[in-house]
Amino acid sequence: MKGPMVVIILGSKSDKKTFDESKMLEVLDMTGISYEVSIISADRREEELRKYCLKMLESDTKVFIGA
């Protein structure tokens, strides 16, 4: 299974506005790098985050960004 090259994990929905202001997604789009943005709290949903990261590793994701 081929997944995104980059996975961006935000801790909460309120982090999305700040992240959007960084323009990182625009840069990824301009360079044609595939990505996926997920909102998973490491504090409240640790097991879900662990399973998600393992799944993404199996799908050939190369970069994980925690924001």
Protein backbone atom coordinates (compact mmCIF):
# COMPACT_ATOMS: atom_id res chain seq x y z
CA MET A 1 0.00 0.00 0.00
CA LYS A 2 1.48 3.33 -1.05
CA GLY A 3 0.80 6.10 1.43
CA PRO A 4 1.75 9.74 1.71
CA MET A 5 5.43 10.71 1.79
CA VAL A 6 4.80 13.08 4.73
CA VAL A 7 2.41 12.69 7.66
CA ILE A 8 1.61 15.75 9.76
CA ILE A 9 0.05 15.05 13.14
CA LEU A 10 -1.66 17.86 15.02
CA GLY A 11 -2.56 17.48 18.66
CA SER A 12 -5.94 19.24 18.43
CA LYS A 13 -8.29 21.05 16.07
CA SER A 14 -7.22 24.36 17.59
CA ASP A 15 -3.66 23.71 16.32
CA LYS A 16 -4.93 23.67 12.71
CA LYS A 17 -5.28 27.46 12.40
CA THR A 18 -1.71 28.06 13.58
CA PHE A 19 -0.44 25.30 11.34
CA ASP A 20 -2.31 26.68 8.31
CA GLU A 21 -0.63 30.05 8.87
CA SER A 22 2.78 28.39 8.49
CA LYS A 23 2.13 27.80 4.75
CA MET A 24 3.82 24.37 4.97
CA LEU A 25 1.05 22.69 3.00
CA GLU A 26 1.46 25.24 0.20
CA VAL A 27 5.15 24.33 -0.04
CA LEU A 28 4.35 20.60 -0.12
CA ASP A 29 1.73 21.22 -2.82
CA MET A 30 4.14 23.31 -4.92
CA THR A 31 6.81 20.61 -4.76
CA GLY A 32 4.40 17.75 -5.46
CA ILE A 33 5.13 15.96 -2.19
CA SER A 34 2.21 13.83 -1.01
CA TYR A 35 1.03 14.41 2.54
CA GLU A 36 -1.71 13.67 5.01
CA VAL A 37 -2.79 15.79 7.98
CA SER A 38 -4.32 14.05 10.99
CA ILE A 39 -5.51 15.32 14.34
CA ILE A 40 -4.64 12.86 17.09
CA SER A 41 -3.93 13.87 20.67
CA ALA A 42 -0.86 12.06 21.99
CA ASP A 43 -2.01 12.79 25.54
CA ARG A 44 -5.55 11.48 25.25
CA ARG A 45 -5.33 8.93 22.41
CA GLU A 46 -1.86 7.44 22.75
CA GLU A 47 -2.79 3.96 21.50
CA GLU A 48 -4.62 5.34 18.45
CA LEU A 49 -1.57 7.47 17.62
CA ARG A 50 0.76 4.49 17.94
CA LYS A 51 -1.40 2.36 15.63
CA TYR A 52 -1.71 5.18 13.11
CA CYS A 53 2.06 5.71 12.97
CA LEU A 54 2.72 2.00 12.52
CA LYS A 55 0.15 1.87 9.71
CA MET A 56 1.80 4.83 7.99
CA LEU A 57 5.24 3.25 8.30
CA GLU A 58 3.89 0.16 6.54
CA SER A 59 2.52 2.40 3.77
CA ASP A 60 5.99 3.79 3.00
CA THR A 61 5.68 7.19 4.74
CA LYS A 62 9.15 8.71 5.13
CA VAL A 63 8.58 11.82 7.26
CA PHE A 64 6.48 12.40 10.37
CA ILE A 65 5.89 15.93 11.63
CA GLY A 66 4.31 16.49 15.04
CA ALA A 67 2.87 19.94 15.43
